[in-house]
Amino acid sequence: LIQNQERINFVATTEVIAMGDEPVKAMRDKQDSSMVRAAQAVK
């Protein structure tokens, strides 16, 4: 989907936290999800 990689660095993950997932459990269980990995990058 990326048309131009200028100033965009892609990081591959293997899991997704779905809208219906239980929040805290999903955060703890899906350590390689896009959301958790992004949060860890900020930390």
Full PDB file with SEQRES, HELIX, SHEET, SSBOND, CRYST1, ORIGX, SCALE, CONECT and MASTER records, all heavy atoms in Angstrom:
SEQRES   1 A   43  LEU ILE GLN ASN GLN GLU ARG ILE ASN PHE VAL ALA THR          
SEQRES   2 A   43  THR GLU VAL ILE ALA MET GLY ASP GLU PRO VAL LYS ALA          
SEQRES   3 A   43  MET ARG ASP LYS GLN ASP SER SER MET VAL ARG ALA ALA          
SEQRES   4 A   43  GLN ALA VAL LYS                                              
HELIX    1 AA1 PRO A   23  ASP A   29  1                                   7    
HELIX    2 AA2 SER A   34  VAL A   42  1                                   9    
CRYST1    1.000    1.000    1.000  90.00  90.00  90.00 P 1           1          
ORIGX1      1.000000  0.000000  0.000000        0.00000                         
ORIGX2      0.000000  1.000000  0.000000        0.00000                         
ORIGX3      0.000000  0.000000  1.000000        0.00000                         
SCALE1      1.000000  0.000000  0.000000        0.00000                         
SCALE2      0.000000  1.000000  0.000000        0.00000                         
SCALE3      0.000000  0.000000  1.000000        0.00000                         
ATOM      1  N   LEU A   1       0.807  -1.218   0.000  1.00  0.00           N  
ATOM      2  CA  LEU A   1       0.000   0.000   0.000  1.00  0.00           C  
ATOM      3  C   LEU A   1       0.841   1.269   0.000  1.00  0.00           C  
ATOM      4  O   LEU A   1       0.347   2.346  -0.337  1.00  0.00           O  
ATOM      5  CB  LEU A   1      -0.926   0.020   1.226  1.00  0.00           C  
ATOM      6  CG  LEU A   1      -1.954  -1.109   1.336  1.00  0.00           C  
ATOM      7  CD1 LEU A   1      -2.621  -1.066   2.706  1.00  0.00           C  
ATOM      8  CD2 LEU A   1      -3.001  -1.002   0.235  1.00  0.00           C  
ATOM      9  N   ILE A   2       2.103   1.151   0.386  1.00  0.00           N  
ATOM     10  CA  ILE A   2       2.960   2.331   0.501  1.00  0.00           C  
ATOM     11  C   ILE A   2       3.401   2.779  -0.889  1.00  0.00           C  
ATOM     12  O   ILE A   2       4.103   2.061  -1.599  1.00  0.00           O  
ATOM     13  CB  ILE A   2       4.181   2.039   1.393  1.00  0.00           C  
ATOM     14  CG1 ILE A   2       3.736   1.587   2.793  1.00  0.00           C  
ATOM     15  CG2 ILE A   2       5.073   3.276   1.492  1.00  0.00           C  
ATOM     16  CD1 ILE A   2       4.877   1.141   3.690  1.00  0.00           C  
ATOM     17  N   GLN A   3       2.991   3.961  -1.274  1.00  0.00           N  
ATOM     18  CA  GLN A   3       3.308   4.487  -2.598  1.00  0.00           C  
ATOM     19  C   GLN A   3       4.692   5.114  -2.659  1.00  0.00           C  
ATOM     20  O   GLN A   3       5.353   5.101  -3.688  1.00  0.00           O  
ATOM     21  CB  GLN A   3       2.258   5.536  -3.003  1.00  0.00           C  
ATOM     22  CG  GLN A   3       0.831   5.021  -3.020  1.00  0.00           C  
ATOM     23  CD  GLN A   3       0.632   3.914  -4.032  1.00  0.00           C  
ATOM     24  OE1 GLN A   3       1.008   4.055  -5.195  1.00  0.00           O  
ATOM     25  NE2 GLN A   3       0.032   2.808  -3.607  1.00  0.00           N  
ATOM     26  N   ASN A   4       5.120   5.692  -1.535  1.00  0.00           N  
ATOM     27  CA  ASN A   4       6.391   6.406  -1.486  1.00  0.00           C  
ATOM     28  C   ASN A   4       6.959   6.221  -0.084  1.00  0.00           C  
ATOM     29  O   ASN A   4       6.332   6.620   0.899  1.00  0.00           O  
ATOM     30  CB  ASN A   4       6.161   7.888  -1.792  1.00  0.00           C  
ATOM     31  CG  ASN A   4       7.433   8.711  -1.721  1.00  0.00           C  
ATOM     32  OD1 ASN A   4       8.481   8.223  -1.316  1.00  0.00           O  
ATOM     33  ND2 ASN A   4       7.337   9.973  -2.105  1.00  0.00           N  
ATOM     34  N   GLN A   5       8.122   5.620   0.041  1.00  0.00           N  
ATOM     35  CA  GLN A   5       8.688   5.303   1.346  1.00  0.00           C  
ATOM     36  C   GLN A   5       9.479   6.452   1.980  1.00  0.00           C  
ATOM     37  O   GLN A   5      10.069   6.267   3.053  1.00  0.00           O  
ATOM     38  CB  GLN A   5       9.583   4.071   1.226  1.00  0.00           C  
ATOM     39  CG  GLN A   5       8.823   2.801   0.887  1.00  0.00           C  
ATOM     40  CD  GLN A   5       9.702   1.567   0.934  1.00  0.00           C  
ATOM     41  OE1 GLN A   5      10.921   1.669   0.927  1.00  0.00           O  
ATOM     42  NE2 GLN A   5       9.078   0.405   0.976  1.00  0.00           N  
ATOM     43  N   GLU A   6       9.446   7.607   1.362  1.00  0.00           N  
ATOM     44  CA  GLU A   6      10.138   8.757   1.933  1.00  0.00           C  
ATOM     45  C   GLU A   6       9.618   9.043   3.345  1.00  0.00           C  
ATOM     46  O   GLU A   6       8.426   9.197   3.570  1.00  0.00           O  
ATOM     47  CB  GLU A   6       9.929   9.998   1.047  1.00  0.00           C  
ATOM     48  CG  GLU A   6      10.650  11.241   1.573  1.00  0.00           C  
ATOM     49  CD  GLU A   6      10.326  12.476   0.760  1.00  0.00           C  
ATOM     50  OE1 GLU A   6       9.599  12.353  -0.242  1.00  0.00           O  
ATOM     51  OE2 GLU A   6      10.795  13.555   1.138  1.00  0.00           O  
ATOM     52  N   ARG A   7      10.499   9.105   4.318  1.00  0.00           N  
ATOM     53  CA  ARG A   7      10.220   9.386   5.733  1.00  0.00           C  
ATOM     54  C   ARG A   7       9.229   8.397   6.351  1.00  0.00           C  
ATOM     55  O   ARG A   7       8.557   8.713   7.326  1.00  0.00           O  
ATOM     56  CB  ARG A   7       9.728  10.828   5.912  1.00  0.00           C  
ATOM     57  CG  ARG A   7      10.699  11.892   5.370  1.00  0.00           C  
ATOM     58  CD  ARG A   7      10.533  13.250   6.012  1.00  0.00           C  
ATOM     59  NE  ARG A   7       9.170  13.702   6.137  1.00  0.00           N  
ATOM     60  CZ  ARG A   7       8.488  14.310   5.179  1.00  0.00           C  
ATOM     61  NH1 ARG A   7       9.060  14.546   3.991  1.00  0.00           N  
ATOM     62  NH2 ARG A   7       7.253  14.706   5.380  1.00  0.00           N  
ATOM     63  N   ILE A   8       9.147   7.201   5.789  1.00  0.00           N  
ATOM     64  CA  ILE A   8       8.328   6.124   6.356  1.00  0.00           C  
ATOM     65  C   ILE A   8       9.192   4.884   6.518  1.00  0.00           C  
ATOM     66  O   ILE A   8       9.725   4.355   5.539  1.00  0.00           O  
ATOM     67  CB  ILE A   8       7.117   5.798   5.456  1.00  0.00           C  
ATOM     68  CG1 ILE A   8       6.168   6.992   5.364  1.00  0.00           C  
ATOM     69  CG2 ILE A   8       6.359   4.583   6.007  1.00  0.00           C  
ATOM     70  CD1 ILE A   8       5.001   6.772   4.417  1.00  0.00           C  
ATOM     71  N   ASN A   9       9.359   4.438   7.737  1.00  0.00           N  
ATOM     72  CA  ASN A   9      10.093   3.209   8.032  1.00  0.00           C  
ATOM     73  C   ASN A   9       9.090   2.141   8.459  1.00  0.00           C  
ATOM     74  O   ASN A   9       8.365   2.332   9.442  1.00  0.00           O  
ATOM     75  CB  ASN A   9      11.120   3.433   9.140  1.00  0.00           C  
ATOM     76  CG  ASN A   9      12.232   4.369   8.715  1.00  0.00           C  
ATOM     77  OD1 ASN A   9      12.742   4.255   7.609  1.00  0.00           O  
ATOM     78  ND2 ASN A   9      12.598   5.297   9.582  1.00  0.00           N  
ATOM     79  N   PHE A  10       9.047   1.045   7.726  1.00  0.00           N  
ATOM     80  CA  PHE A  10       8.098  -0.027   8.043  1.00  0.00           C  
ATOM     81  C   PHE A  10       8.740  -1.038   8.993  1.00  0.00           C  
ATOM     82  O   PHE A  10       9.904  -1.417   8.832  1.00  0.00           O  
ATOM     83  CB  PHE A  10       7.641  -0.738   6.768  1.00  0.00           C  
ATOM     84  CG  PHE A  10       6.788  -1.940   7.050  1.00  0.00           C  
ATOM     85  CD1 PHE A  10       5.481  -1.794   7.467  1.00  0.00           C  
ATOM     86  CD2 PHE A  10       7.308  -3.222   6.928  1.00  0.00           C  
ATOM     87  CE1 PHE A  10       4.705  -2.897   7.756  1.00  0.00           C  
ATOM     88  CE2 PHE A  10       6.541  -4.329   7.203  1.00  0.00           C  
ATOM     89  CZ  PHE A  10       5.234  -4.174   7.624  1.00  0.00           C  
ATOM     90  N   VAL A  11       7.941  -1.473   9.995  1.00  0.00           N  
ATOM     91  CA  VAL A  11       8.382  -2.489  10.943  1.00  0.00           C  
ATOM     92  C   VAL A  11       7.369  -3.633  10.904  1.00  0.00           C  
ATOM     93  O   VAL A  11       6.178  -3.429  11.194  1.00  0.00           O  
ATOM     94  CB  VAL A  11       8.485  -1.933  12.378  1.00  0.00           C  
ATOM     95  CG1 VAL A  11       8.968  -3.027  13.334  1.00  0.00           C  
ATOM     96  CG2 VAL A  11       9.427  -0.729  12.422  1.00  0.00           C  
ATOM     97  N   ALA A  12       7.823  -4.816  10.541  1.00  0.00           N  
ATOM     98  CA  ALA A  12       6.910  -5.961  10.404  1.00  0.00           C  
ATOM     99  C   ALA A  12       6.520  -6.525  11.759  1.00  0.00           C  
ATOM    100  O   ALA A  12       7.351  -6.700  12.652  1.00  0.00           O  
ATOM    101  CB  ALA A  12       7.576  -7.044   9.562  1.00  0.00           C  
ATOM    102  N   THR A  13       5.217  -6.815  11.916  1.00  0.00           N  
ATOM    103  CA  THR A  13       4.695  -7.488  13.100  1.00  0.00           C  
ATOM    104  C   THR A  13       3.870  -8.681  12.634  1.00  0.00           C  
ATOM    105  O   THR A  13       3.529  -8.796  11.453  1.00  0.00           O  
ATOM    106  CB  THR A  13       3.827  -6.542  13.945  1.00  0.00           C  
ATOM    107  OG1 THR A  13       2.729  -6.083  13.148  1.00  0.00           O  
ATOM    108  CG2 THR A  13       4.632  -5.336  14.415  1.00  0.00           C  
ATOM    109  N   THR A  14       3.522  -9.549  13.569  1.00  0.00           N  
ATOM    110  CA  THR A  14       2.814 -10.778  13.190  1.00  0.00           C  
ATOM    111  C   THR A  14       1.414 -10.886  13.747  1.00  0.00           C  
ATOM    112  O   THR A  14       0.672 -11.800  13.397  1.00  0.00           O  
ATOM    113  CB  THR A  14       3.616 -12.005  13.664  1.00  0.00           C  
ATOM    114  OG1 THR A  14       3.745 -11.955  15.092  1.00  0.00           O  
ATOM    115  CG2 THR A  14       4.997 -12.031  13.027  1.00  0.00           C  
ATOM    116  N   GLU A  15       1.032  -9.926  14.628  1.00  0.00           N  
ATOM    117  CA  GLU A  15      -0.274 -10.036  15.288  1.00  0.00           C  
ATOM    118  C   GLU A  15      -1.052  -8.725  15.166  1.00  0.00           C  
ATOM    119  O   GLU A  15      -0.477  -7.657  14.958  1.00  0.00           O  
ATOM    120  CB  GLU A  15      -0.099 -10.391  16.767  1.00  0.00           C  
ATOM    121  CG  GLU A  15       0.544 -11.755  17.000  1.00  0.00           C  
ATOM    122  CD  GLU A  15       0.789 -12.016  18.466  1.00  0.00           C  
ATOM    123  OE1 GLU A  15       1.565 -11.254  19.082  1.00  0.00           O  
ATOM    124  OE2 GLU A  15       0.211 -12.983  19.005  1.00  0.00           O  
ATOM    125  N   VAL A  16      -2.383  -8.852  15.341  1.00  0.00           N  
ATOM    126  CA  VAL A  16      -3.278  -7.695  15.281  1.00  0.00           C  
ATOM    127  C   VAL A  16      -4.219  -7.746  16.470  1.00  0.00           C  
ATOM    128  O   VAL A  16      -4.803  -8.800  16.762  1.00  0.00           O  
ATOM    129  CB  VAL A  16      -4.104  -7.686  13.977  1.00  0.00           C  
ATOM    130  CG1 VAL A  16      -5.104  -6.539  13.983  1.00  0.00           C  
ATOM    131  CG2 VAL A  16      -3.192  -7.602  12.759  1.00  0.00           C  
ATOM    132  N   ILE A  17      -4.384  -6.644  17.152  1.00  0.00           N  
ATOM    133  CA  ILE A  17      -5.400  -6.538  18.201  1.00  0.00           C  
ATOM    134  C   ILE A  17      -6.694  -6.108  17.535  1.00  0.00           C  
ATOM    135  O   ILE A  17      -6.785  -5.009  16.987  1.00  0.00           O  
ATOM    136  CB  ILE A  17      -4.982  -5.540  19.292  1.00  0.00           C  
ATOM    137  CG1 ILE A  17      -3.762  -6.076  20.041  1.00  0.00           C  
ATOM    138  CG2 ILE A  17      -6.137  -5.291  20.267  1.00  0.00           C  
ATOM    139  CD1 ILE A  17      -3.258  -5.159  21.139  1.00  0.00           C  
ATOM    140  N   ALA A  18      -7.688  -6.989  17.567  1.00  0.00           N  
ATOM    141  CA  ALA A  18      -8.966  -6.715  16.915  1.00  0.00           C  
ATOM    142  C   ALA A  18      -9.835  -5.819  17.784  1.00  0.00           C  
ATOM    143  O   ALA A  18      -9.621  -5.692  18.995  1.00  0.00           O  
ATOM    144  CB  ALA A  18      -9.687  -8.034  16.625  1.00  0.00           C  
ATOM    145  N   MET A  19     -10.835  -5.194  17.158  1.00  0.00           N  
ATOM    146  CA  MET A  19     -11.734  -4.302  17.884  1.00  0.00           C  
ATOM    147  C   MET A  19     -12.468  -5.030  19.017  1.00  0.00           C  
ATOM    148  O   MET A  19     -12.754  -4.444  20.058  1.00  0.00           O  
ATOM    149  CB  MET A  19     -12.748  -3.680  16.923  1.00  0.00           C  
ATOM    150  CG  MET A  19     -12.147  -2.662  15.968  1.00  0.00           C  
ATOM    151  SD  MET A  19     -11.497  -1.220  16.832  1.00  0.00           S  
ATOM    152  CE  MET A  19     -11.404  -0.039  15.490  1.00  0.00           C  
ATOM    153  N   GLY A  20     -12.757  -6.306  18.821  1.00  0.00           N  
ATOM    154  CA  GLY A  20     -13.517  -7.049  19.815  1.00  0.00           C  
ATOM    155  C   GLY A  20     -12.681  -7.728  20.876  1.00  0.00           C  
ATOM    156  O   GLY A  20     -13.230  -8.357  21.795  1.00  0.00           O  
ATOM    157  N   ASP A  21     -11.370  -7.615  20.820  1.00  0.00           N  
ATOM    158  CA  ASP A  21     -10.502  -8.256  21.807  1.00  0.00           C  
ATOM    159  C   ASP A  21     -10.641  -7.594  23.177  1.00  0.00           C  
ATOM    160  O   ASP A  21     -10.847  -6.374  23.280  1.00  0.00           O  
ATOM    161  CB  ASP A  21      -9.040  -8.170  21.364  1.00  0.00           C  
ATOM    162  CG  ASP A  21      -8.694  -9.148  20.259  1.00  0.00           C  
ATOM    163  OD1 ASP A  21      -9.541 -10.013  19.948  1.00  0.00           O  
ATOM    164  OD2 ASP A  21      -7.584  -9.049  19.701  1.00  0.00           O  
ATOM    165  N   GLU A  22     -10.502  -8.412  24.229  1.00  0.00           N  
ATOM    166  CA  GLU A  22     -10.504  -7.861  25.589  1.00  0.00           C  
ATOM    167  C   GLU A  22      -9.226  -7.058  25.761  1.00  0.00           C  
ATOM    168  O   GLU A  22      -8.125  -7.580  25.577  1.00  0.00           O  
ATOM    169  CB  GLU A  22     -10.571  -9.008  26.606  1.00  0.00           C  
ATOM    170  CG  GLU A  22     -10.955  -8.568  28.007  1.00  0.00           C  
ATOM    171  CD  GLU A  22      -9.791  -7.925  28.760  1.00  0.00           C  
ATOM    172  OE1 GLU A  22      -8.668  -8.448  28.674  1.00  0.00           O  
ATOM    173  OE2 GLU A  22     -10.014  -6.867  29.389  1.00  0.00           O  
ATOM    174  N   PRO A  23      -9.330  -5.769  26.114  1.00  0.00           N  
ATOM    175  CA  PRO A  23      -8.192  -4.852  26.018  1.00  0.00           C  
ATOM    176  C   PRO A  23      -6.924  -5.281  26.745  1.00  0.00           C  
ATOM    177  O   PRO A  23      -5.864  -5.402  26.119  1.00  0.00           O  
ATOM    178  CB  PRO A  23      -8.756  -3.545  26.596  1.00  0.00           C  
ATOM    179  CG  PRO A  23     -10.213  -3.609  26.298  1.00  0.00           C  
ATOM    180  CD  PRO A  23     -10.577  -5.053  26.459  1.00  0.00           C  
ATOM    181  N   VAL A  24      -6.993  -5.469  28.049  1.00  0.00           N  
ATOM    182  CA  VAL A  24      -5.779  -5.755  28.811  1.00  0.00           C  
ATOM    183  C   VAL A  24      -5.191  -7.104  28.417  1.00  0.00           C  
ATOM    184  O   VAL A  24      -3.969  -7.254  28.260  1.00  0.00           O  
ATOM    185  CB  VAL A  24      -6.062  -5.706  30.326  1.00  0.00           C  
ATOM    186  CG1 VAL A  24      -4.811  -6.076  31.113  1.00  0.00           C  
ATOM    187  CG2 VAL A  24      -6.544  -4.315  30.733  1.00  0.00           C  
ATOM    188  N   LYS A  25      -6.062  -8.093  28.229  1.00  0.00           N  
ATOM    189  CA  LYS A  25      -5.591  -9.432  27.827  1.00  0.00           C  
ATOM    190  C   LYS A  25      -4.897  -9.376  26.471  1.00  0.00           C  
ATOM    191  O   LYS A  25      -3.846  -9.992  26.267  1.00  0.00           O  
ATOM    192  CB  LYS A  25      -6.768 -10.407  27.779  1.00  0.00           C  
ATOM    193  CG  LYS A  25      -6.371 -11.862  27.515  1.00  0.00           C  
ATOM    194  CD  LYS A  25      -7.590 -12.774  27.588  1.00  0.00           C  
ATOM    195  CE  LYS A  25      -7.189 -14.233  27.474  1.00  0.00           C  
ATOM    196  NZ  LYS A  25      -6.516 -14.558  26.216  1.00  0.00           N  
ATOM    197  N   ALA A  26      -5.493  -8.633  25.531  1.00  0.00           N  
ATOM    198  CA  ALA A  26      -4.905  -8.520  24.201  1.00  0.00           C  
ATOM    199  C   ALA A  26      -3.542  -7.854  24.258  1.00  0.00           C  
ATOM    200  O   ALA A  26      -2.591  -8.279  23.595  1.00  0.00           O  
ATOM    201  CB  ALA A  26      -5.842  -7.737  23.286  1.00  0.00           C  
ATOM    202  N   MET A  27      -3.439  -6.811  25.073  1.00  0.00           N  
ATOM    203  CA  MET A  27      -2.156  -6.109  25.196  1.00  0.00           C  
ATOM    204  C   MET A  27      -1.080  -7.042  25.756  1.00  0.00           C  
ATOM    205  O   MET A  27       0.062  -7.022  25.308  1.00  0.00           O  
ATOM    206  CB  MET A  27      -2.327  -4.896  26.104  1.00  0.00           C  
ATOM    207  CG  MET A  27      -1.042  -4.097  26.328  1.00  0.00           C  
ATOM    208  SD  MET A  27      -1.088  -3.101  27.832  1.00  0.00           S  
ATOM    209  CE  MET A  27      -1.103  -4.358  29.104  1.00  0.00           C  
ATOM    210  N   ARG A  28      -1.455  -7.859  26.718  1.00  0.00           N  
ATOM    211  CA  ARG A  28      -0.490  -8.759  27.357  1.00  0.00           C  
ATOM    212  C   ARG A  28      -0.156  -9.975  26.492  1.00  0.00           C  
ATOM    213  O   ARG A  28       0.993 -10.426  26.461  1.00  0.00           O  
ATOM    214  CB  ARG A  28      -1.042  -9.215  28.710  1.00  0.00           C  
ATOM    215  CG  ARG A  28      -1.071  -8.100  29.755  1.00  0.00           C  
ATOM    216  CD  ARG A  28      -1.736  -8.554  31.033  1.00  0.00           C  
ATOM    217  NE  ARG A  28      -1.675  -7.514  32.060  1.00  0.00           N  
ATOM    218  CZ  ARG A  28      -2.374  -7.538  33.197  1.00  0.00           C  
ATOM    219  NH1 ARG A  28      -3.158  -8.568  33.449  1.00  0.00           N  
ATOM    220  NH2 ARG A  28      -2.258  -6.564  34.074  1.00  0.00           N  
ATOM    221  N   ASP A  29      -1.171 -10.509  25.800  1.00  0.00           N  
ATOM    222  CA  ASP A  29      -0.968 -11.748  25.044  1.00  0.00           C  
ATOM    223  C   ASP A  29      -0.381 -11.523  23.660  1.00  0.00           C  
ATOM    224  O   ASP A  29       0.353 -12.368  23.141  1.00  0.00           O  
ATOM    225  CB  ASP A  29      -2.294 -12.511  24.909  1.00  0.00           C  
ATOM    226  CG  ASP A  29      -2.791 -13.053  26.244  1.00  0.00           C  
ATOM    227  OD1 ASP A  29      -2.015 -13.014  27.219  1.00  0.00           O  
ATOM    228  OD2 ASP A  29      -3.956 -13.498  26.316  1.00  0.00           O  
ATOM    229  N   LYS A  30      -0.716 -10.385  23.046  1.00  0.00           N  
ATOM    230  CA  LYS A  30      -0.278 -10.126  21.675  1.00  0.00           C  
ATOM    231  C   LYS A  30       0.886  -9.140  21.666  1.00  0.00           C  
ATOM    232  O   LYS A  30       0.784  -7.997  21.217  1.00  0.00           O  
ATOM    233  CB  LYS A  30      -1.448  -9.614  20.837  1.00  0.00           C  
ATOM    234  CG  LYS A  30      -2.571 -10.646  20.677  1.00  0.00           C  
ATOM    235  CD  LYS A  30      -3.675 -10.144  19.763  1.00  0.00           C  
ATOM    236  CE  LYS A  30      -4.736 -11.212  19.535  1.00  0.00           C  
ATOM    237  NZ  LYS A  30      -5.806 -10.765  18.605  1.00  0.00           N  
ATOM    238  N   GLN A  31       2.025  -9.623  22.158  1.00  0.00           N  
ATOM    239  CA  GLN A  31       3.200  -8.776  22.300  1.00  0.00           C  
ATOM    240  C   GLN A  31       3.792  -8.355  20.956  1.00  0.00           C  
ATOM    241  O   GLN A  31       4.503  -7.349  20.879  1.00  0.00           O  
ATOM    242  CB  GLN A  31       4.266  -9.506  23.123  1.00  0.00           C  
ATOM    243  CG  GLN A  31       3.888  -9.705  24.586  1.00  0.00           C  
ATOM    244  CD  GLN A  31       3.856  -8.391  25.356  1.00  0.00           C  
ATOM    245  OE1 GLN A  31       4.853  -7.682  25.411  1.00  0.00           O  
ATOM    246  NE2 GLN A  31       2.711  -8.057  25.924  1.00  0.00           N  
ATOM    247  N   ASP A  32       3.498  -9.114  19.896  1.00  0.00           N  
ATOM    248  CA  ASP A  32       4.019  -8.750  18.575  1.00  0.00           C  
ATOM    249  C   ASP A  32       2.931  -8.107  17.708  1.00  0.00           C  
ATOM    250  O   ASP A  32       3.019  -8.121  16.486  1.00  0.00           O  
ATOM    251  CB  ASP A  32       4.603  -9.975  17.860  1.00  0.00           C  
ATOM    252  CG  ASP A  32       5.544  -9.568  16.720  1.00  0.00           C  
ATOM    253  OD1 ASP A  32       6.328  -8.614  16.912  1.00  0.00           O  
ATOM    254  OD2 ASP A  32       5.476 -10.185  15.636  1.00  0.00           O  
ATOM    255  N   SER A  33       1.917  -7.550  18.358  1.00  0.00           N  
ATOM    256  CA  SER A  33       0.886  -6.836  17.608  1.00  0.00           C  
ATOM    257  C   SER A  33       1.394  -5.451  17.220  1.00  0.00           C  
ATOM    258  O   SER A  33       2.312  -4.900  17.846  1.00  0.00           O  
ATOM    259  CB  SER A  33      -0.382  -6.691  18.447  1.00  0.00           C  
ATOM    260  OG  SER A  33      -0.130  -5.883  19.592  1.00  0.00           O  
ATOM    261  N   SER A  34       0.801  -4.898  16.183  1.00  0.00           N  
ATOM    262  CA  SER A  34       1.210  -3.578  15.703  1.00  0.00           C  
ATOM    263  C   SER A  34       1.041  -2.506  16.774  1.00  0.00           C  
ATOM    264  O   SER A  34       1.883  -1.608  16.906  1.00  0.00           O  
ATOM    265  CB  SER A  34       0.416  -3.206  14.443  1.00  0.00           C  
ATOM    266  OG  SER A  34      -0.981  -3.362  14.671  1.00  0.00           O  
ATOM    267  N   MET A  35      -0.017  -2.601  17.583  1.00  0.00           N  
ATOM    268  CA  MET A  35      -0.261  -1.590  18.609  1.00  0.00           C  
ATOM    269  C   MET A  35       0.762  -1.678  19.736  1.00  0.00           C  
ATOM    270  O   MET A  35       1.343  -0.663  20.149  1.00  0.00           O  
ATOM    271  CB  MET A  35      -1.669  -1.733  19.185  1.00  0.00           C  
ATOM    272  CG  MET A  35      -2.019  -0.677  20.230  1.00  0.00           C  
ATOM    273  SD  MET A  35      -3.617  -0.953  21.004  1.00  0.00           S  
ATOM    274  CE  MET A  35      -4.736  -0.635  19.630  1.00  0.00           C  
ATOM    275  N   VAL A  36       0.997  -2.875  20.247  1.00  0.00           N  
ATOM    276  CA  VAL A  36       1.931  -3.045  21.360  1.00  0.00           C  
ATOM    277  C   VAL A  36       3.351  -2.684  20.941  1.00  0.00           C  
ATOM    278  O   VAL A  36       4.081  -2.012  21.675  1.00  0.00           O  
ATOM    279  CB  VAL A  36       1.857  -4.486  21.910  1.00  0.00           C  
ATOM    280  CG1 VAL A  36       2.994  -4.741  22.903  1.00  0.00           C  
ATOM    281  CG2 VAL A  36       0.503  -4.724  22.576  1.00  0.00           C  
ATOM    282  N   ARG A  37       3.752  -3.117  19.738  1.00  0.00           N  
ATOM    283  CA  ARG A  37       5.100  -2.795  19.268  1.00  0.00           C  
ATOM    284  C   ARG A  37       5.274  -1.274  19.086  1.00  0.00           C  
ATOM    285  O   ARG A  37       6.345  -0.729  19.375  1.00  0.00           O  
ATOM    286  CB  ARG A  37       5.374  -3.526  17.951  1.00  0.00           C  
ATOM    287  CG  ARG A  37       5.528  -5.044  18.081  1.00  0.00           C  
ATOM    288  CD  ARG A  37       6.900  -5.429  18.615  1.00  0.00           C  
ATOM    289  NE  ARG A  37       7.983  -4.936  17.788  1.00  0.00           N  
ATOM    290  CZ  ARG A  37       8.408  -5.535  16.660  1.00  0.00           C  
ATOM    291  NH1 ARG A  37       7.818  -6.667  16.242  1.00  0.00           N  
ATOM    292  NH2 ARG A  37       9.402  -5.027  15.970  1.00  0.00           N  
ATOM    293  N   ALA A  38       4.235  -0.611  18.610  1.00  0.00           N  
ATOM    294  CA  ALA A  38       4.300   0.842  18.444  1.00  0.00           C  
ATOM    295  C   ALA A  38       4.425   1.531  19.801  1.00  0.00           C  
ATOM    296  O   ALA A  38       5.209   2.470  19.967  1.00  0.00           O  
ATOM    297  CB  ALA A  38       3.063   1.343  17.695  1.00  0.00           C  
ATOM    298  N   ALA A  39       3.659   1.051  20.783  1.00  0.00           N  
ATOM    299  CA  ALA A  39       3.737   1.622  22.131  1.00  0.00           C  
ATOM    300  C   ALA A  39       5.116   1.392  22.733  1.00  0.00           C  
ATOM    301  O   ALA A  39       5.689   2.280  23.390  1.00  0.00           O  
ATOM    302  CB  ALA A  39       2.658   1.007  23.019  1.00  0.00           C  
ATOM    303  N   GLN A  40       5.681   0.216  22.513  1.00  0.00           N  
ATOM    304  CA  GLN A  40       7.002  -0.103  23.040  1.00  0.00           C  
ATOM    305  C   GLN A  40       8.067   0.791  22.409  1.00  0.00           C  
ATOM    306  O   GLN A  40       9.026   1.206  23.072  1.00  0.00           O  
ATOM    307  CB  GLN A  40       7.335  -1.577  22.774  1.00  0.00           C  
ATOM    308  CG  GLN A  40       8.581  -2.071  23.501  1.00  0.00           C  
ATOM    309  CD  GLN A  40       8.436  -2.053  25.014  1.00  0.00           C  
ATOM    310  OE1 GLN A  40       7.410  -2.481  25.548  1.00  0.00           O  
ATOM    311  NE2 GLN A  40       9.452  -1.533  25.702  1.00  0.00           N  
ATOM    312  N   ALA A  41       7.889   1.118  21.130  1.00  0.00           N  
ATOM    313  CA  ALA A  41       8.835   2.009  20.446  1.00  0.00           C  
ATOM    314  C   ALA A  41       8.850   3.389  21.098  1.00  0.00           C  
ATOM    315  O   ALA A  41       9.902   4.021  21.225  1.00  0.00           O  
ATOM    316  CB  ALA A  41       8.483   2.122  18.964  1.00  0.00           C  
ATOM    317  N   VAL A  42       7.679   3.841  21.529  1.00  0.00           N  
ATOM    318  CA  VAL A  42       7.603   5.133  22.211  1.00  0.00           C  
ATOM    319  C   VAL A  42       8.278   5.046  23.573  1.00  0.00           C  
ATOM    320  O   VAL A  42       9.061   5.924  23.959  1.00  0.00           O  
ATOM    321  CB  VAL A  42       6.133   5.584  22.355  1.00  0.00           C  
ATOM    322  CG1 VAL A  42       6.041   6.862  23.192  1.00  0.00           C  
ATOM    323  CG2 VAL A  42       5.508   5.820  20.982  1.00  0.00           C  
ATOM    324  N   LYS A  43       7.995   3.980  24.303  1.00  0.00           N  
ATOM    325  CA  LYS A  43       8.626   3.804  25.613  1.00  0.00           C  
ATOM    326  C   LYS A  43      10.144   3.756  25.499  1.00  0.00           C  
ATOM    327  O   LYS A  43      10.867   4.323  26.335  1.00  0.00           O  
ATOM    328  CB  LYS A  43       8.130   2.522  26.276  1.00  0.00           C  
ATOM    329  CG  LYS A  43       8.763   2.268  27.638  1.00  0.00           C  
ATOM    330  CD  LYS A  43       8.297   0.977  28.261  1.00  0.00           C  
ATOM    331  CE  LYS A  43       8.958   0.756  29.620  1.00  0.00           C  
ATOM    332  NZ  LYS A  43       8.517  -0.513  30.258  1.00  0.00           N  
TER     333      LYS A  43                                                      
MASTER        0    0    0    2    0    0    0    6  332    1    0    4          
END                                                                             
